[in-house]
Amino acid sequence: MPNIMPQEIEVWYLIPALRKEFAGIFIHDYGFSQKKASELLGITESAISQYLKSKRGNELKFSKTELSRIKKSAKSIAEGGNAMKELYDLCIVLRKSKTICSLHKSHDKSIDKNCDVCFK
């Protein structure tokens, strides 16, 4: 079995988890419709529905500090900021998170327990 790259963890788990958080924030905190949330994130309304029903983006849980940073990004998007830029910036910040590292190690048992590739 080939090794799983950190970038694959971002694509398969981090981005969906971020979208799930954004969807919840837009719907519950800002009172946006699913249609408005989908337009802001550039995804389908059905994807928003799946995030809200916890059918997508569930495997990754964020710390309070990470959730605070995500809420700041959601506010920027809600006020007209670029969703792609916010997602990209969050991926860079969260790439160095122990949360991502632990998830990566749980999906790829070949990774050394002292791996620090993402932290260099």
PDB file of N, CA and C in Angstrom:
ATOM      1  N   MET A   1       0.845  -1.184   0.000  1.00  0.00           N
ATOM      2  CA  MET A   1       0.000   0.000   0.000  1.00  0.00           C
ATOM      3  C   MET A   1       0.889   1.246   0.000  1.00  0.00           C
ATOM      4  N   PRO A   2       0.607   2.190  -0.891  1.00  0.00           N
ATOM      5  CA  PRO A   2       1.426   3.407  -0.938  1.00  0.00           C
ATOM      6  C   PRO A   2       1.172   4.288   0.288  1.00  0.00           C
ATOM      7  N   ASN A   3       2.171   5.079   0.595  1.00  0.00           N
ATOM      8  CA  ASN A   3       2.021   6.026   1.700  1.00  0.00           C
ATOM      9  C   ASN A   3       0.990   7.097   1.334  1.00  0.00           C
ATOM     10  N   ILE A   4       0.335   7.595   2.345  1.00  0.00           N
ATOM     11  CA  ILE A   4      -0.621   8.683   2.160  1.00  0.00           C
ATOM     12  C   ILE A   4       0.126   9.991   2.394  1.00  0.00           C
ATOM     13  N   MET A   5       0.028  10.875   1.441  1.00  0.00           N
ATOM     14  CA  MET A   5       0.691  12.168   1.547  1.00  0.00           C
ATOM     15  C   MET A   5      -0.128  13.100   2.451  1.00  0.00           C
ATOM     16  N   PRO A   6       0.546  14.019   3.154  1.00  0.00           N
ATOM     17  CA  PRO A   6      -0.197  14.985   3.978  1.00  0.00           C
ATOM     18  C   PRO A   6      -1.230  15.767   3.158  1.00  0.00           C
ATOM     19  N   GLN A   7      -0.923  16.048   1.909  1.00  0.00           N
ATOM     20  CA  GLN A   7      -1.857  16.786   1.059  1.00  0.00           C
ATOM     21  C   GLN A   7      -3.139  15.996   0.816  1.00  0.00           C
ATOM     22  N   GLU A   8      -3.022  14.669   0.769  1.00  0.00           N
ATOM     23  CA  GLU A   8      -4.212  13.843   0.591  1.00  0.00           C
ATOM     24  C   GLU A   8      -5.118  13.934   1.821  1.00  0.00           C
ATOM     25  N   ILE A   9      -4.527  14.007   2.994  1.00  0.00           N
ATOM     26  CA  ILE A   9      -5.303  14.183   4.222  1.00  0.00           C
ATOM     27  C   ILE A   9      -6.058  15.509   4.160  1.00  0.00           C
ATOM     28  N   GLU A  10      -5.398  16.529   3.643  1.00  0.00           N
ATOM     29  CA  GLU A  10      -6.061  17.833   3.501  1.00  0.00           C
ATOM     30  C   GLU A  10      -7.275  17.728   2.582  1.00  0.00           C
ATOM     31  N   VAL A  11      -7.084  17.091   1.431  1.00  0.00           N
ATOM     32  CA  VAL A  11      -8.163  16.993   0.439  1.00  0.00           C
ATOM     33  C   VAL A  11      -9.299  16.097   0.934  1.00  0.00           C
ATOM     34  N   TRP A  12      -8.968  14.955   1.510  1.00  0.00           N
ATOM     35  CA  TRP A  12      -9.987  13.984   1.906  1.00  0.00           C
ATOM     36  C   TRP A  12     -10.686  14.353   3.211  1.00  0.00           C
ATOM     37  N   TYR A  13      -9.971  15.013   4.127  1.00  0.00           N
ATOM     38  CA  TYR A  13     -10.525  15.243   5.464  1.00  0.00           C
ATOM     39  C   TYR A  13     -10.583  16.707   5.894  1.00  0.00           C
ATOM     40  N   LEU A  14      -9.507  17.455   5.699  1.00  0.00           N
ATOM     41  CA  LEU A  14      -9.472  18.825   6.194  1.00  0.00           C
ATOM     42  C   LEU A  14     -10.448  19.739   5.457  1.00  0.00           C
ATOM     43  N   ILE A  15     -10.394  19.751   4.148  1.00  0.00           N
ATOM     44  CA  ILE A  15     -11.272  20.647   3.387  1.00  0.00           C
ATOM     45  C   ILE A  15     -12.749  20.320   3.639  1.00  0.00           C
ATOM     46  N   PRO A  16     -13.157  19.041   3.606  1.00  0.00           N
ATOM     47  CA  PRO A  16     -14.561  18.755   3.937  1.00  0.00           C
ATOM     48  C   PRO A  16     -14.930  19.187   5.364  1.00  0.00           C
ATOM     49  N   ALA A  17     -14.029  19.006   6.324  1.00  0.00           N
ATOM     50  CA  ALA A  17     -14.318  19.413   7.703  1.00  0.00           C
ATOM     51  C   ALA A  17     -14.454  20.930   7.809  1.00  0.00           C
ATOM     52  N   LEU A  18     -13.617  21.659   7.076  1.00  0.00           N
ATOM     53  CA  LEU A  18     -13.730  23.115   7.067  1.00  0.00           C
ATOM     54  C   LEU A  18     -15.039  23.559   6.425  1.00  0.00           C
ATOM     55  N   ARG A  19     -15.397  22.943   5.326  1.00  0.00           N
ATOM     56  CA  ARG A  19     -16.664  23.285   4.671  1.00  0.00           C
ATOM     57  C   ARG A  19     -17.846  22.990   5.590  1.00  0.00           C
ATOM     58  N   LYS A  20     -17.760  21.888   6.318  1.00  0.00           N
ATOM     59  CA  LYS A  20     -18.820  21.545   7.269  1.00  0.00           C
ATOM     60  C   LYS A  20     -18.948  22.637   8.327  1.00  0.00           C
ATOM     61  N   GLU A  21     -17.826  23.086   8.869  1.00  0.00           N
ATOM     62  CA  GLU A  21     -17.857  24.153   9.871  1.00  0.00           C
ATOM     63  C   GLU A  21     -18.430  25.439   9.280  1.00  0.00           C
ATOM     64  N   PHE A  22     -17.962  25.800   8.084  1.00  0.00           N
ATOM     65  CA  PHE A  22     -18.478  27.004   7.430  1.00  0.00           C
ATOM     66  C   PHE A  22     -19.983  26.906   7.213  1.00  0.00           C
ATOM     67  N   ALA A  23     -20.449  25.763   6.726  1.00  0.00           N
ATOM     68  CA  ALA A  23     -21.881  25.583   6.473  1.00  0.00           C
ATOM     69  C   ALA A  23     -22.678  25.811   7.754  1.00  0.00           C
ATOM     70  N   GLY A  24     -22.239  25.205   8.839  1.00  0.00           N
ATOM     71  CA  GLY A  24     -22.928  25.377  10.118  1.00  0.00           C
ATOM     72  C   GLY A  24     -22.924  26.820  10.595  1.00  0.00           C
ATOM     73  N   ILE A  25     -21.787  27.473  10.454  1.00  0.00           N
ATOM     74  CA  ILE A  25     -21.686  28.877  10.870  1.00  0.00           C
ATOM     75  C   ILE A  25     -22.598  29.754  10.032  1.00  0.00           C
ATOM     76  N   PHE A  26     -22.575  29.560   8.719  1.00  0.00           N
ATOM     77  CA  PHE A  26     -23.411  30.388   7.842  1.00  0.00           C
ATOM     78  C   PHE A  26     -24.900  30.193   8.124  1.00  0.00           C
ATOM     79  N   ILE A  27     -25.305  28.958   8.338  1.00  0.00           N
ATOM     80  CA  ILE A  27     -26.725  28.660   8.562  1.00  0.00           C
ATOM     81  C   ILE A  27     -27.156  29.084   9.973  1.00  0.00           C
ATOM     82  N   HIS A  28     -26.400  28.656  10.980  1.00  0.00           N
ATOM     83  CA  HIS A  28     -26.823  28.852  12.366  1.00  0.00           C
ATOM     84  C   HIS A  28     -26.455  30.225  12.932  1.00  0.00           C
ATOM     85  N   ASP A  29     -25.270  30.720  12.622  1.00  0.00           N
ATOM     86  CA  ASP A  29     -24.830  32.002  13.187  1.00  0.00           C
ATOM     87  C   ASP A  29     -25.288  33.201  12.361  1.00  0.00           C
ATOM     88  N   TYR A  30     -25.278  33.047  11.038  1.00  0.00           N
ATOM     89  CA  TYR A  30     -25.624  34.171  10.168  1.00  0.00           C
ATOM     90  C   TYR A  30     -27.045  34.096   9.610  1.00  0.00           C
ATOM     91  N   GLY A  31     -27.706  32.960   9.782  1.00  0.00           N
ATOM     92  CA  GLY A  31     -29.079  32.812   9.300  1.00  0.00           C
ATOM     93  C   GLY A  31     -29.194  32.744   7.786  1.00  0.00           C
ATOM     94  N   PHE A  32     -28.110  32.377   7.120  1.00  0.00           N
ATOM     95  CA  PHE A  32     -28.147  32.266   5.661  1.00  0.00           C
ATOM     96  C   PHE A  32     -28.908  31.012   5.261  1.00  0.00           C
ATOM     97  N   SER A  33     -29.474  31.036   4.078  1.00  0.00           N
ATOM     98  CA  SER A  33     -30.115  29.849   3.512  1.00  0.00           C
ATOM     99  C   SER A  33     -29.033  28.884   3.021  1.00  0.00           C
ATOM    100  N   GLN A  34     -29.442  27.648   2.782  1.00  0.00           N
ATOM    101  CA  GLN A  34     -28.489  26.684   2.215  1.00  0.00           C
ATOM    102  C   GLN A  34     -28.019  27.156   0.851  1.00  0.00           C
ATOM    103  N   LYS A  35     -28.907  27.774   0.102  1.00  0.00           N
ATOM    104  CA  LYS A  35     -28.547  28.293  -1.220  1.00  0.00           C
ATOM    105  C   LYS A  35     -27.457  29.354  -1.090  1.00  0.00           C
ATOM    106  N   LYS A  36     -27.634  30.290  -0.166  1.00  0.00           N
ATOM    107  CA  LYS A  36     -26.639  31.359   0.045  1.00  0.00           C
ATOM    108  C   LYS A  36     -25.307  30.760   0.504  1.00  0.00           C
ATOM    109  N   ALA A  37     -25.355  29.807   1.429  1.00  0.00           N
ATOM    110  CA  ALA A  37     -24.131  29.157   1.913  1.00  0.00           C
ATOM    111  C   ALA A  37     -23.421  28.437   0.775  1.00  0.00           C
ATOM    112  N   SER A  38     -24.188  27.768  -0.080  1.00  0.00           N
ATOM    113  CA  SER A  38     -23.586  27.044  -1.201  1.00  0.00           C
ATOM    114  C   SER A  38     -22.940  28.012  -2.185  1.00  0.00           C
ATOM    115  N   GLU A  39     -23.590  29.148  -2.410  1.00  0.00           N
ATOM    116  CA  GLU A  39     -23.020  30.156  -3.307  1.00  0.00           C
ATOM    117  C   GLU A  39     -21.724  30.726  -2.746  1.00  0.00           C
ATOM    118  N   LEU A  40     -21.705  30.988  -1.450  1.00  0.00           N
ATOM    119  CA  LEU A  40     -20.501  31.536  -0.813  1.00  0.00           C
ATOM    120  C   LEU A  40     -19.312  30.569  -0.907  1.00  0.00           C
ATOM    121  N   LEU A  41     -19.605  29.278  -0.749  1.00  0.00           N
ATOM    122  CA  LEU A  41     -18.531  28.280  -0.740  1.00  0.00           C
ATOM    123  C   LEU A  41     -18.245  27.679  -2.112  1.00  0.00           C
ATOM    124  N   GLY A  42     -19.108  27.973  -3.089  1.00  0.00           N
ATOM    125  CA  GLY A  42     -18.890  27.431  -4.430  1.00  0.00           C
ATOM    126  C   GLY A  42     -19.120  25.937  -4.516  1.00  0.00           C
ATOM    127  N   ILE A  43     -20.070  25.452  -3.718  1.00  0.00           N
ATOM    128  CA  ILE A  43     -20.425  24.031  -3.725  1.00  0.00           C
ATOM    129  C   ILE A  43     -21.947  23.922  -3.871  1.00  0.00           C
ATOM    130  N   THR A  44     -22.450  22.715  -4.029  1.00  0.00           N
ATOM    131  CA  THR A  44     -23.881  22.524  -4.245  1.00  0.00           C
ATOM    132  C   THR A  44     -24.675  22.647  -2.949  1.00  0.00           C
ATOM    133  N   GLU A  45     -25.949  22.928  -3.111  1.00  0.00           N
ATOM    134  CA  GLU A  45     -26.850  22.951  -1.958  1.00  0.00           C
ATOM    135  C   GLU A  45     -26.924  21.571  -1.309  1.00  0.00           C
ATOM    136  N   SER A  46     -26.862  20.523  -2.119  1.00  0.00           N
ATOM    137  CA  SER A  46     -26.920  19.171  -1.541  1.00  0.00           C
ATOM    138  C   SER A  46     -25.673  18.889  -0.702  1.00  0.00           C
ATOM    139  N   ALA A  47     -24.542  19.436  -1.094  1.00  0.00           N
ATOM    140  CA  ALA A  47     -23.328  19.281  -0.279  1.00  0.00           C
ATOM    141  C   ALA A  47     -23.516  19.983   1.065  1.00  0.00           C
ATOM    142  N   ILE A  48     -24.084  21.181   1.038  1.00  0.00           N
ATOM    143  CA  ILE A  48     -24.364  21.903   2.290  1.00  0.00           C
ATOM    144  C   ILE A  48     -25.275  21.060   3.172  1.00  0.00           C
ATOM    145  N   SER A  49     -26.311  20.488   2.585  1.00  0.00           N
ATOM    146  CA  SER A  49     -27.237  19.644   3.329  1.00  0.00           C
ATOM    147  C   SER A  49     -26.509  18.460   3.962  1.00  0.00           C
ATOM    148  N   GLN A  50     -25.626  17.833   3.210  1.00  0.00           N
ATOM    149  CA  GLN A  50     -24.885  16.688   3.743  1.00  0.00           C
ATOM    150  C   GLN A  50     -23.950  17.107   4.881  1.00  0.00           C
ATOM    151  N   TYR A  51     -23.335  18.277   4.764  1.00  0.00           N
ATOM    152  CA  TYR A  51     -22.497  18.772   5.863  1.00  0.00           C
ATOM    153  C   TYR A  51     -23.345  19.028   7.105  1.00  0.00           C
ATOM    154  N   LEU A  52     -24.503  19.632   6.927  1.00  0.00           N
ATOM    155  CA  LEU A  52     -25.368  19.941   8.068  1.00  0.00           C
ATOM    156  C   LEU A  52     -25.928  18.684   8.728  1.00  0.00           C
ATOM    157  N   LYS A  53     -26.121  17.630   7.948  1.00  0.00           N
ATOM    158  CA  LYS A  53     -26.630  16.359   8.485  1.00  0.00           C
ATOM    159  C   LYS A  53     -25.502  15.437   8.930  1.00  0.00           C
ATOM    160  N   SER A  54     -24.273  15.960   8.950  1.00  0.00           N
ATOM    161  CA  SER A  54     -23.083  15.203   9.367  1.00  0.00           C
ATOM    162  C   SER A  54     -22.838  13.961   8.521  1.00  0.00           C
ATOM    163  N   LYS A  55     -23.187  14.047   7.232  1.00  0.00           N
ATOM    164  CA  LYS A  55     -22.905  12.951   6.314  1.00  0.00           C
ATOM    165  C   LYS A  55     -21.551  13.133   5.641  1.00  0.00           C
ATOM    166  N   ARG A  56     -20.957  14.319   5.799  1.00  0.00           N
ATOM    167  CA  ARG A  56     -19.641  14.628   5.247  1.00  0.00           C
ATOM    168  C   ARG A  56     -18.862  15.437   6.275  1.00  0.00           C
ATOM    169  N   GLY A  57     -17.546  15.312   6.206  1.00  0.00           N
ATOM    170  CA  GLY A  57     -16.667  16.173   6.989  1.00  0.00           C
ATOM    171  C   GLY A  57     -16.642  15.897   8.476  1.00  0.00           C
ATOM    172  N   ASN A  58     -16.891  14.656   8.881  1.00  0.00           N
ATOM    173  CA  ASN A  58     -17.002  14.316  10.299  1.00  0.00           C
ATOM    174  C   ASN A  58     -15.740  13.808  10.972  1.00  0.00           C
ATOM    175  N   GLU A  59     -14.785  13.373  10.208  1.00  0.00           N
ATOM    176  CA  GLU A  59     -13.678  12.654  10.827  1.00  0.00           C
ATOM    177  C   GLU A  59     -12.710  13.550  11.592  1.00  0.00           C
ATOM    178  N   LEU A  60     -12.707  14.809  11.290  1.00  0.00           N
ATOM    179  CA  LEU A  60     -11.753  15.730  11.904  1.00  0.00           C
ATOM    180  C   LEU A  60     -12.478  16.644  12.879  1.00  0.00           C
ATOM    181  N   LYS A  61     -11.977  16.711  14.105  1.00  0.00           N
ATOM    182  CA  LYS A  61     -12.543  17.599  15.127  1.00  0.00           C
ATOM    183  C   LYS A  61     -11.510  18.674  15.440  1.00  0.00           C
ATOM    184  N   PHE A  62     -11.962  19.914  15.473  1.00  0.00           N
ATOM    185  CA  PHE A  62     -11.068  21.047  15.685  1.00  0.00           C
ATOM    186  C   PHE A  62     -11.026  21.462  17.156  1.00  0.00           C
ATOM    187  N   SER A  63      -9.879  22.015  17.557  1.00  0.00           N
ATOM    188  CA  SER A  63      -9.729  22.560  18.902  1.00  0.00           C
ATOM    189  C   SER A  63     -10.485  23.888  18.989  1.00  0.00           C
ATOM    190  N   LYS A  64     -10.644  24.414  20.191  1.00  0.00           N
ATOM    191  CA  LYS A  64     -11.322  25.700  20.371  1.00  0.00           C
ATOM    192  C   LYS A  64     -10.570  26.811  19.651  1.00  0.00           C
ATOM    193  N   THR A  65      -9.256  26.767  19.701  1.00  0.00           N
ATOM    194  CA  THR A  65      -8.437  27.776  19.018  1.00  0.00           C
ATOM    195  C   THR A  65      -8.640  27.697  17.517  1.00  0.00           C
ATOM    196  N   GLU A  66      -8.656  26.470  16.982  1.00  0.00           N
ATOM    197  CA  GLU A  66      -8.876  26.281  15.547  1.00  0.00           C
ATOM    198  C   GLU A  66     -10.274  26.745  15.147  1.00  0.00           C
ATOM    199  N   LEU A  67     -11.268  26.422  15.971  1.00  0.00           N
ATOM    200  CA  LEU A  67     -12.638  26.851  15.674  1.00  0.00           C
ATOM    201  C   LEU A  67     -12.757  28.375  15.683  1.00  0.00           C
ATOM    202  N   SER A  68     -12.030  29.013  16.561  1.00  0.00           N
ATOM    203  CA  SER A  68     -12.031  30.478  16.594  1.00  0.00           C
ATOM    204  C   SER A  68     -11.471  31.045  15.295  1.00  0.00           C
ATOM    205  N   ARG A  69     -10.394  30.456  14.805  1.00  0.00           N
ATOM    206  CA  ARG A  69      -9.785  30.900  13.539  1.00  0.00           C
ATOM    207  C   ARG A  69     -10.748  30.640  12.371  1.00  0.00           C
ATOM    208  N   ILE A  70     -11.441  29.515  12.397  1.00  0.00           N
ATOM    209  CA  ILE A  70     -12.408  29.171  11.354  1.00  0.00           C
ATOM    210  C   ILE A  70     -13.559  30.185  11.363  1.00  0.00           C
ATOM    211  N   LYS A  71     -14.019  30.567  12.542  1.00  0.00           N
ATOM    212  CA  LYS A  71     -15.111  31.555  12.637  1.00  0.00           C
ATOM    213  C   LYS A  71     -14.680  32.908  12.075  1.00  0.00           C
ATOM    214  N   LYS A  72     -13.427  33.283  12.292  1.00  0.00           N
ATOM    215  CA  LYS A  72     -12.925  34.540  11.724  1.00  0.00           C
ATOM    216  C   LYS A  72     -12.932  34.474  10.202  1.00  0.00           C
ATOM    217  N   SER A  73     -12.543  33.333   9.661  1.00  0.00           N
ATOM    218  CA  SER A  73     -12.564  33.159   8.203  1.00  0.00           C
ATOM    219  C   SER A  73     -13.995  33.173   7.679  1.00  0.00           C
ATOM    220  N   ALA A  74     -14.905  32.526   8.401  1.00  0.00           N
ATOM    221  CA  ALA A  74     -16.315  32.521   7.990  1.00  0.00           C
ATOM    222  C   ALA A  74     -16.866  33.944   7.971  1.00  0.00           C
ATOM    223  N   LYS A  75     -16.494  34.736   8.962  1.00  0.00           N
ATOM    224  CA  LYS A  75     -16.948  36.131   9.007  1.00  0.00           C
ATOM    225  C   LYS A  75     -16.430  36.890   7.790  1.00  0.00           C
ATOM    226  N   SER A  76     -15.172  36.663   7.447  1.00  0.00           N
ATOM    227  CA  SER A  76     -14.598  37.320   6.272  1.00  0.00           C
ATOM    228  C   SER A  76     -15.368  36.944   5.007  1.00  0.00           C
ATOM    229  N   ILE A  77     -15.673  35.660   4.860  1.00  0.00           N
ATOM    230  CA  ILE A  77     -16.418  35.193   3.686  1.00  0.00           C
ATOM    231  C   ILE A  77     -17.826  35.801   3.680  1.00  0.00           C
ATOM    232  N   ALA A  78     -18.481  35.779   4.836  1.00  0.00           N
ATOM    233  CA  ALA A  78     -19.844  36.314   4.940  1.00  0.00           C
ATOM    234  C   ALA A  78     -19.893  37.799   4.585  1.00  0.00           C
ATOM    235  N   GLU A  79     -18.782  38.490   4.827  1.00  0.00           N
ATOM    236  CA  GLU A  79     -18.721  39.932   4.539  1.00  0.00           C
ATOM    237  C   GLU A  79     -18.165  40.222   3.143  1.00  0.00           C
ATOM    238  N   GLY A  80     -18.081  39.182   2.298  1.00  0.00           N
ATOM    239  CA  GLY A  80     -17.677  39.389   0.911  1.00  0.00           C
ATOM    240  C   GLY A  80     -16.276  38.933   0.574  1.00  0.00           C
ATOM    241  N   GLY A  81     -15.582  38.335   1.540  1.00  0.00           N
ATOM    242  CA  GLY A  81     -14.237  37.829   1.290  1.00  0.00           C
ATOM    243  C   GLY A  81     -14.248  36.617   0.376  1.00  0.00           C
ATOM    244  N   ASN A  82     -13.083  36.242  -0.079  1.00  0.00           N
ATOM    245  CA  ASN A  82     -12.914  35.145  -1.016  1.00  0.00           C
ATOM    246  C   ASN A  82     -12.831  33.811  -0.278  1.00  0.00           C
ATOM    247  N   ALA A  83     -13.812  32.939  -0.491  1.00  0.00           N
ATOM    248  CA  ALA A  83     -13.867  31.641   0.198  1.00  0.00           C
ATOM    249  C   ALA A  83     -12.662  30.772  -0.143  1.00  0.00           C
ATOM    250  N   MET A  84     -12.247  30.780  -1.401  1.00  0.00           N
ATOM    251  CA  MET A  84     -11.113  29.951  -1.792  1.00  0.00           C
ATOM    252  C   MET A  84      -9.846  30.388  -1.052  1.00  0.00           C
ATOM    253  N   LYS A  85      -9.648  31.685  -0.951  1.00  0.00           N
ATOM    254  CA  LYS A  85      -8.476  32.215  -0.246  1.00  0.00           C
ATOM    255  C   LYS A  85      -8.536  31.858   1.231  1.00  0.00           C
ATOM    256  N   GLU A  86      -9.699  31.985   1.840  1.00  0.00           N
ATOM    257  CA  GLU A  86      -9.849  31.648   3.263  1.00  0.00           C
ATOM    258  C   GLU A  86      -9.584  30.156   3.504  1.00  0.00           C
ATOM    259  N   LEU A  87     -10.141  29.299   2.634  1.00  0.00           N
ATOM    260  CA  LEU A  87      -9.884  27.854   2.768  1.00  0.00           C
ATOM    261  C   LEU A  87      -8.398  27.542   2.594  1.00  0.00           C
ATOM    262  N   TYR A  88      -7.788  28.154   1.618  1.00  0.00           N
ATOM    263  CA  TYR A  88      -6.366  27.947   1.357  1.00  0.00           C
ATOM    264  C   TYR A  88      -5.534  28.368   2.569  1.00  0.00           C
ATOM    265  N   ASP A  89      -5.802  29.565   3.082  1.00  0.00           N
ATOM    266  CA  ASP A  89      -5.058  30.060   4.237  1.00  0.00           C
ATOM    267  C   ASP A  89      -5.254  29.166   5.458  1.00  0.00           C
ATOM    268  N   LEU A  90      -6.484  28.701   5.673  1.00  0.00           N
ATOM    269  CA  LEU A  90      -6.739  27.796   6.801  1.00  0.00           C
ATOM    270  C   LEU A  90      -5.980  26.482   6.637  1.00  0.00           C
ATOM    271  N   CYS A  91      -5.921  25.973   5.421  1.00  0.00           N
ATOM    272  CA  CYS A  91      -5.175  24.733   5.186  1.00  0.00           C
ATOM    273  C   CYS A  91      -3.702  24.916   5.553  1.00  0.00           C
ATOM    274  N   ILE A  92      -3.142  26.054   5.206  1.00  0.00           N
ATOM    275  CA  ILE A  92      -1.737  26.323   5.541  1.00  0.00           C
ATOM    276  C   ILE A  92      -1.555  26.377   7.058  1.00  0.00           C
ATOM    277  N   VAL A  93      -2.435  27.100   7.727  1.00  0.00           N
ATOM    278  CA  VAL A  93      -2.341  27.231   9.181  1.00  0.00           C
ATOM    279  C   VAL A  93      -2.544  25.877   9.860  1.00  0.00           C
ATOM    280  N   LEU A  94      -3.568  25.156   9.443  1.00  0.00           N
ATOM    281  CA  LEU A  94      -3.920  23.896  10.100  1.00  0.00           C
ATOM    282  C   LEU A  94      -3.017  22.732   9.703  1.00  0.00           C
ATOM    283  N   ARG A  95      -2.278  22.896   8.627  1.00  0.00           N
ATOM    284  CA  ARG A  95      -1.336  21.856   8.200  1.00  0.00           C
ATOM    285  C   ARG A  95      -0.361  21.532   9.332  1.00  0.00           C
ATOM    286  N   LYS A  96      -0.017  22.520  10.117  1.00  0.00           N
ATOM    287  CA  LYS A  96       0.931  22.346  11.206  1.00  0.00           C
ATOM    288  C   LYS A  96       0.241  21.945  12.518  1.00  0.00           C
ATOM    289  N   SER A  97      -1.000  21.562  12.415  1.00  0.00           N
ATOM    290  CA  SER A  97      -1.781  21.184  13.584  1.00  0.00           C
ATOM    291  C   SER A  97      -1.529  19.729  13.965  1.00  0.00           C
ATOM    292  N   LYS A  98      -1.452  19.487  15.247  1.00  0.00           N
ATOM    293  CA  LYS A  98      -1.324  18.107  15.730  1.00  0.00           C
ATOM    294  C   LYS A  98      -2.585  17.306  15.390  1.00  0.00           C
ATOM    295  N   THR A  99      -3.703  17.980  15.225  1.00  0.00           N
ATOM    296  CA  THR A  99      -4.949  17.314  14.848  1.00  0.00           C
ATOM    297  C   THR A  99      -4.784  16.633  13.496  1.00  0.00           C
ATOM    298  N   ILE A 100      -4.238  17.364  12.540  1.00  0.00           N
ATOM    299  CA  ILE A 100      -4.023  16.825  11.199  1.00  0.00           C
ATOM    300  C   ILE A 100      -2.986  15.710  11.250  1.00  0.00           C
ATOM    301  N   CYS A 101      -1.929  15.943  12.015  1.00  0.00           N
ATOM    302  CA  CYS A 101      -0.849  14.963  12.141  1.00  0.00           C
ATOM    303  C   CYS A 101      -1.382  13.634  12.707  1.00  0.00           C
ATOM    304  N   SER A 102      -2.169  13.722  13.749  1.00  0.00           N
ATOM    305  CA  SER A 102      -2.735  12.508  14.362  1.00  0.00           C
ATOM    306  C   SER A 102      -3.648  11.759  13.395  1.00  0.00           C
ATOM    307  N   LEU A 103      -4.460  12.500  12.674  1.00  0.00           N
ATOM    308  CA  LEU A 103      -5.343  11.877  11.688  1.00  0.00           C
ATOM    309  C   LEU A 103      -4.523  11.186  10.604  1.00  0.00           C
ATOM    310  N   HIS A 104      -3.479  11.851  10.142  1.00  0.00           N
ATOM    311  CA  HIS A 104      -2.612  11.280   9.120  1.00  0.00           C
ATOM    312  C   HIS A 104      -2.002   9.969   9.611  1.00  0.00           C
ATOM    313  N   LYS A 105      -1.475   9.988  10.812  1.00  0.00           N
ATOM    314  CA  LYS A 105      -0.852   8.782  11.381  1.00  0.00           C
ATOM    315  C   LYS A 105      -1.865   7.655  11.573  1.00  0.00           C
ATOM    316  N   SER A 106      -3.106   8.009  11.867  1.00  0.00           N
ATOM    317  CA  SER A 106      -4.117   6.964  12.050  1.00  0.00           C
ATOM    318  C   SER A 106      -4.499   6.303  10.727  1.00  0.00           C
ATOM    319  N   HIS A 107      -4.295   7.011   9.609  1.00  0.00           N
ATOM    320  CA  HIS A 107      -4.646   6.468   8.296  1.00  0.00           C
ATOM    321  C   HIS A 107      -3.463   5.854   7.562  1.00  0.00           C
ATOM    322  N   ASP A 108      -2.268   6.125   8.038  1.00  0.00           N
ATOM    323  CA  ASP A 108      -1.072   5.575   7.401  1.00  0.00           C
ATOM    324  C   ASP A 108      -0.143   5.061   8.489  1.00  0.00           C
ATOM    325  N   LYS A 109      -0.258   3.769   8.766  1.00  0.00           N
ATOM    326  CA  LYS A 109       0.502   3.152   9.853  1.00  0.00           C
ATOM    327  C   LYS A 109       2.002   3.086   9.565  1.00  0.00           C
ATOM    328  N   SER A 110       2.399   3.384   8.327  1.00  0.00           N
ATOM    329  CA  SER A 110       3.830   3.349   8.002  1.00  0.00           C
ATOM    330  C   SER A 110       4.569   4.614   8.445  1.00  0.00           C
ATOM    331  N   ILE A 111       3.827   5.613   8.885  1.00  0.00           N
ATOM    332  CA  ILE A 111       4.457   6.864   9.309  1.00  0.00           C
ATOM    333  C   ILE A 111       5.114   6.672  10.670  1.00  0.00           C
ATOM    334  N   ASP A 112       6.347   7.096  10.759  1.00  0.00           N
ATOM    335  CA  ASP A 112       7.093   7.028  12.011  1.00  0.00           C
ATOM    336  C   ASP A 112       6.402   7.893  13.059  1.00  0.00           C
ATOM    337  N   LYS A 113       6.374   7.397  14.303  1.00  0.00           N
ATOM    338  CA  LYS A 113       5.696   8.144  15.367  1.00  0.00           C
ATOM    339  C   LYS A 113       6.340   9.499  15.638  1.00  0.00           C
ATOM    340  N   ASN A 114       7.573   9.685  15.229  1.00  0.00           N
ATOM    341  CA  ASN A 114       8.272  10.951  15.420  1.00  0.00           C
ATOM    342  C   ASN A 114       8.289  11.809  14.143  1.00  0.00           C
ATOM    343  N   CYS A 115       7.438  11.490  13.208  1.00  0.00           N
ATOM    344  CA  CYS A 115       7.391  12.234  11.948  1.00  0.00           C
ATOM    345  C   CYS A 115       7.144  13.714  12.221  1.00  0.00           C
ATOM    346  N   ASP A 116       7.910  14.559  11.534  1.00  0.00           N
ATOM    347  CA  ASP A 116       7.715  16.001  11.658  1.00  0.00           C
ATOM    348  C   ASP A 116       7.779  16.700  10.298  1.00  0.00           C
ATOM    349  N   VAL A 117       7.448  15.970   9.251  1.00  0.00           N
ATOM    350  CA  VAL A 117       7.530  16.488   7.870  1.00  0.00           C
ATOM    351  C   VAL A 117       6.756  17.811   7.740  1.00  0.00           C
ATOM    352  N   CYS A 118       5.567  17.878   8.293  1.00  0.00           N
ATOM    353  CA  CYS A 118       4.729  19.076   8.132  1.00  0.00           C
ATOM    354  C   CYS A 118       5.192  20.250   8.982  1.00  0.00           C
ATOM    355  N   PHE A 119       6.115  20.006   9.884  1.00  0.00           N
ATOM    356  CA  PHE A 119       6.540  21.052  10.805  1.00  0.00           C
ATOM    357  C   PHE A 119       7.864  21.677  10.438  1.00  0.00           C
ATOM    358  N   LYS A 120       8.438  21.259   9.324  1.00  0.00           N
ATOM    359  CA  LYS A 120       9.736  21.805   8.910  1.00  0.00           C
ATOM    360  C   LYS A 120       9.550  22.899   7.891  1.00  0.00           C
TER     361      LYS A 120
END
